[in-house]
Amino acid sequence: MLALMPWLSDWYGLPSGLVLFVALANCGAGAYSFSLARKRRREPQLIALLVVGNGTWALICAALFALFLNEARIWGLLHLAGEALFVGGLAMIEWRCRHDLVTGEDPADPAVA
C-alpha cells in the first residue's frame, strides 16, 4: 500500500492521508504479529493486546467505511469492509485460541498429545 499510495488513493476515492494511515497501521500490526509468531512462549497480556488491537482496528475500519460511504469508490469501500471483516475475524479466532497461542502449541499436532 505504501508503494502504491498515490494510485490507490485515486482508485479508492479516499484521501491519501487515510490510505497512508491504513498502510502504516497494517505495517505496525504485521510487525507486532510477526514478533509474537517468532516467540516460543508468549505472555497472555501480549495475546490480549493483539486481540484488542485487531478488534479495535476492525471497528475503526467499519467506522471509516461508514464515514466515507458516500465519497469513496466501490474499491475503497470493499477494502475497508474486507479489512474490517478479516481483522475482526482474526480477533475472534485469536481470542478463542488464546491459551494455545500463549504456549505456542498446536493441539492438532500429534507430537503435542
C-alpha atoms as a PDB file:
ATOM      1  CA  MET A   1       0.000   0.000   0.000  1.00  0.00           C
ATOM      2  CA  LEU A   2       2.846   2.377   0.767  1.00  0.00           C
ATOM      3  CA  ALA A   3       4.422   1.953  -2.659  1.00  0.00           C
ATOM      4  CA  LEU A   4       1.108   2.390  -4.472  1.00  0.00           C
ATOM      5  CA  MET A   5      -0.358   5.049  -2.189  1.00  0.00           C
ATOM      6  CA  PRO A   6      -0.940   7.848  -4.746  1.00  0.00           C
ATOM      7  CA  TRP A   7      -2.508   5.437  -7.210  1.00  0.00           C
ATOM      8  CA  LEU A   8      -4.569   3.637  -4.541  1.00  0.00           C
ATOM      9  CA  SER A   9      -5.847   6.925  -3.158  1.00  0.00           C
ATOM     10  CA  ASP A  10      -7.235   7.835  -6.565  1.00  0.00           C
ATOM     11  CA  TRP A  11      -8.536   4.325  -7.304  1.00  0.00           C
ATOM     12  CA  TYR A  12     -10.184   4.016  -3.887  1.00  0.00           C
ATOM     13  CA  GLY A  13     -11.545   7.558  -3.894  1.00  0.00           C
ATOM     14  CA  LEU A  14     -10.065   8.065  -0.432  1.00  0.00           C
ATOM     15  CA  PRO A  15      -7.754  10.810   0.858  1.00  0.00           C
ATOM     16  CA  SER A  16      -4.056   9.950   0.527  1.00  0.00           C
ATOM     17  CA  GLY A  17      -3.581  10.596   4.253  1.00  0.00           C
ATOM     18  CA  LEU A  18      -6.156   7.939   5.036  1.00  0.00           C
ATOM     19  CA  VAL A  19      -4.513   5.429   2.693  1.00  0.00           C
ATOM     20  CA  LEU A  20      -1.173   6.202   4.381  1.00  0.00           C
ATOM     21  CA  PHE A  21      -2.761   5.733   7.813  1.00  0.00           C
ATOM     22  CA  VAL A  22      -4.192   2.331   6.824  1.00  0.00           C
ATOM     23  CA  ALA A  23      -0.874   1.255   5.306  1.00  0.00           C
ATOM     24  CA  LEU A  24       1.119   2.263   8.387  1.00  0.00           C
ATOM     25  CA  ALA A  25      -1.395   0.598  10.710  1.00  0.00           C
ATOM     26  CA  ASN A  26      -1.078  -2.615   8.688  1.00  0.00           C
ATOM     27  CA  CYS A  27       2.728  -2.436   8.851  1.00  0.00           C
ATOM     28  CA  GLY A  28       2.612  -1.918  12.607  1.00  0.00           C
ATOM     29  CA  ALA A  29       0.131  -4.733  13.185  1.00  0.00           C
ATOM     30  CA  GLY A  30       2.110  -7.044  10.943  1.00  0.00           C
ATOM     31  CA  ALA A  31       5.350  -6.280  12.769  1.00  0.00           C
ATOM     32  CA  TYR A  32       3.715  -6.910  16.151  1.00  0.00           C
ATOM     33  CA  SER A  33       2.113 -10.162  14.977  1.00  0.00           C
ATOM     34  CA  PHE A  34       5.410 -11.329  13.490  1.00  0.00           C
ATOM     35  CA  SER A  35       7.236 -10.567  16.729  1.00  0.00           C
ATOM     36  CA  LEU A  36       4.722 -12.759  18.582  1.00  0.00           C
ATOM     37  CA  ALA A  37       4.894 -15.528  15.990  1.00  0.00           C
ATOM     38  CA  ARG A  38       8.658 -15.785  16.452  1.00  0.00           C
ATOM     39  CA  LYS A  39       8.346 -16.419  20.202  1.00  0.00           C
ATOM     40  CA  ARG A  40       8.130 -19.955  21.503  1.00  0.00           C
ATOM     41  CA  ARG A  41       6.128 -18.833  24.551  1.00  0.00           C
ATOM     42  CA  ARG A  42       4.008 -15.710  24.632  1.00  0.00           C
ATOM     43  CA  GLU A  43       2.755 -13.790  27.636  1.00  0.00           C
ATOM     44  CA  PRO A  44      -1.057 -13.805  27.941  1.00  0.00           C
ATOM     45  CA  GLN A  45      -1.036  -9.990  28.068  1.00  0.00           C
ATOM     46  CA  LEU A  46       0.691  -9.856  24.675  1.00  0.00           C
ATOM     47  CA  ILE A  47      -2.008 -12.069  23.145  1.00  0.00           C
ATOM     48  CA  ALA A  48      -4.700  -9.932  24.774  1.00  0.00           C
ATOM     49  CA  LEU A  49      -3.064  -6.828  23.288  1.00  0.00           C
ATOM     50  CA  LEU A  50      -3.123  -8.493  19.855  1.00  0.00           C
ATOM     51  CA  VAL A  51      -6.831  -9.289  20.224  1.00  0.00           C
ATOM     52  CA  VAL A  52      -7.700  -5.786  21.437  1.00  0.00           C
ATOM     53  CA  GLY A  53      -5.623  -4.222  18.672  1.00  0.00           C
ATOM     54  CA  ASN A  54      -7.245  -6.302  15.949  1.00  0.00           C
ATOM     55  CA  GLY A  55     -10.727  -5.765  17.361  1.00  0.00           C
ATOM     56  CA  THR A  56     -10.146  -2.032  17.606  1.00  0.00           C
ATOM     57  CA  TRP A  57      -8.780  -1.878  14.069  1.00  0.00           C
ATOM     58  CA  ALA A  58     -11.833  -3.763  12.793  1.00  0.00           C
ATOM     59  CA  LEU A  59     -14.087  -1.166  14.438  1.00  0.00           C
ATOM     60  CA  ILE A  60     -12.007   1.683  13.011  1.00  0.00           C
ATOM     61  CA  CYS A  61     -12.252   0.201   9.505  1.00  0.00           C
ATOM     62  CA  ALA A  62     -16.017  -0.199   9.914  1.00  0.00           C
ATOM     63  CA  ALA A  63     -16.290   3.427  11.080  1.00  0.00           C
ATOM     64  CA  LEU A  64     -14.187   4.596   8.122  1.00  0.00           C
ATOM     65  CA  PHE A  65     -16.456   2.603   5.815  1.00  0.00           C
ATOM     66  CA  ALA A  66     -19.484   4.429   7.220  1.00  0.00           C
ATOM     67  CA  LEU A  67     -17.720   7.795   7.170  1.00  0.00           C
ATOM     68  CA  PHE A  68     -16.675   7.522   3.509  1.00  0.00           C
ATOM     69  CA  LEU A  69     -19.722   5.633   2.259  1.00  0.00           C
ATOM     70  CA  ASN A  70     -20.872   8.497   0.053  1.00  0.00           C
ATOM     71  CA  GLU A  71     -17.405   9.628  -1.084  1.00  0.00           C
ATOM     72  CA  ALA A  72     -15.276   6.571  -1.734  1.00  0.00           C
ATOM     73  CA  ARG A  73     -15.357   4.381  -4.792  1.00  0.00           C
ATOM     74  CA  ILE A  74     -16.523   0.797  -4.512  1.00  0.00           C
ATOM     75  CA  TRP A  75     -12.904  -0.451  -4.366  1.00  0.00           C
ATOM     76  CA  GLY A  76     -12.119   1.695  -1.345  1.00  0.00           C
ATOM     77  CA  LEU A  77     -15.297   0.602   0.393  1.00  0.00           C
ATOM     78  CA  LEU A  78     -14.579  -3.041  -0.392  1.00  0.00           C
ATOM     79  CA  HIS A  79     -11.075  -2.674   1.026  1.00  0.00           C
ATOM     80  CA  LEU A  80     -12.337  -1.102   4.264  1.00  0.00           C
ATOM     81  CA  ALA A  81     -15.169  -3.618   4.671  1.00  0.00           C
ATOM     82  CA  GLY A  82     -12.922  -6.550   3.804  1.00  0.00           C
ATOM     83  CA  GLU A  83     -10.262  -5.431   6.236  1.00  0.00           C
ATOM     84  CA  ALA A  84     -12.852  -4.929   8.996  1.00  0.00           C
ATOM     85  CA  LEU A  85     -14.242  -8.424   8.457  1.00  0.00           C
ATOM     86  CA  PHE A  86     -10.835 -10.087   8.114  1.00  0.00           C
ATOM     87  CA  VAL A  87      -9.204  -8.429  11.125  1.00  0.00           C
ATOM     88  CA  GLY A  88     -12.362  -8.771  13.220  1.00  0.00           C
ATOM     89  CA  GLY A  89     -12.405 -12.474  12.361  1.00  0.00           C
ATOM     90  CA  LEU A  90      -8.743 -12.742  13.342  1.00  0.00           C
ATOM     91  CA  ALA A  91      -9.508 -11.127  16.696  1.00  0.00           C
ATOM     92  CA  MET A  92     -12.272 -13.668  17.369  1.00  0.00           C
ATOM     93  CA  ILE A  93     -10.062 -16.627  16.422  1.00  0.00           C
ATOM     94  CA  GLU A  94      -7.150 -15.265  18.460  1.00  0.00           C
ATOM     95  CA  TRP A  95      -9.414 -14.853  21.483  1.00  0.00           C
ATOM     96  CA  ARG A  96     -10.810 -18.380  21.160  1.00  0.00           C
ATOM     97  CA  CYS A  97      -7.302 -19.822  20.744  1.00  0.00           C
ATOM     98  CA  ARG A  98      -5.574 -17.531  23.249  1.00  0.00           C
ATOM     99  CA  HIS A  99      -4.461 -20.370  25.526  1.00  0.00           C
ATOM    100  CA  ASP A 100      -2.881 -22.252  22.631  1.00  0.00           C
ATOM    101  CA  LEU A 101      -1.264 -19.046  21.375  1.00  0.00           C
ATOM    102  CA  VAL A 102       0.367 -18.493  24.763  1.00  0.00           C
ATOM    103  CA  THR A 103       2.066 -21.886  24.723  1.00  0.00           C
ATOM    104  CA  GLY A 104       2.679 -21.905  21.002  1.00  0.00           C
ATOM    105  CA  GLU A 105       1.476 -25.499  20.822  1.00  0.00           C
ATOM    106  CA  ASP A 106      -0.866 -26.815  18.170  1.00  0.00           C
ATOM    107  CA  PRO A 107      -3.450 -29.132  19.810  1.00  0.00           C
ATOM    108  CA  ALA A 108      -3.931 -30.867  16.451  1.00  0.00           C
ATOM    109  CA  ASP A 109      -0.235 -31.799  16.334  1.00  0.00           C
ATOM    110  CA  PRO A 110       0.214 -35.493  17.321  1.00  0.00           C
ATOM    111  CA  ALA A 111       3.595 -34.679  18.889  1.00  0.00           C
ATOM    112  CA  VAL A 112       1.838 -32.440  21.450  1.00  0.00           C
ATOM    113  CA  ALA A 113      -0.631 -35.113  22.580  1.00  0.00           C
END
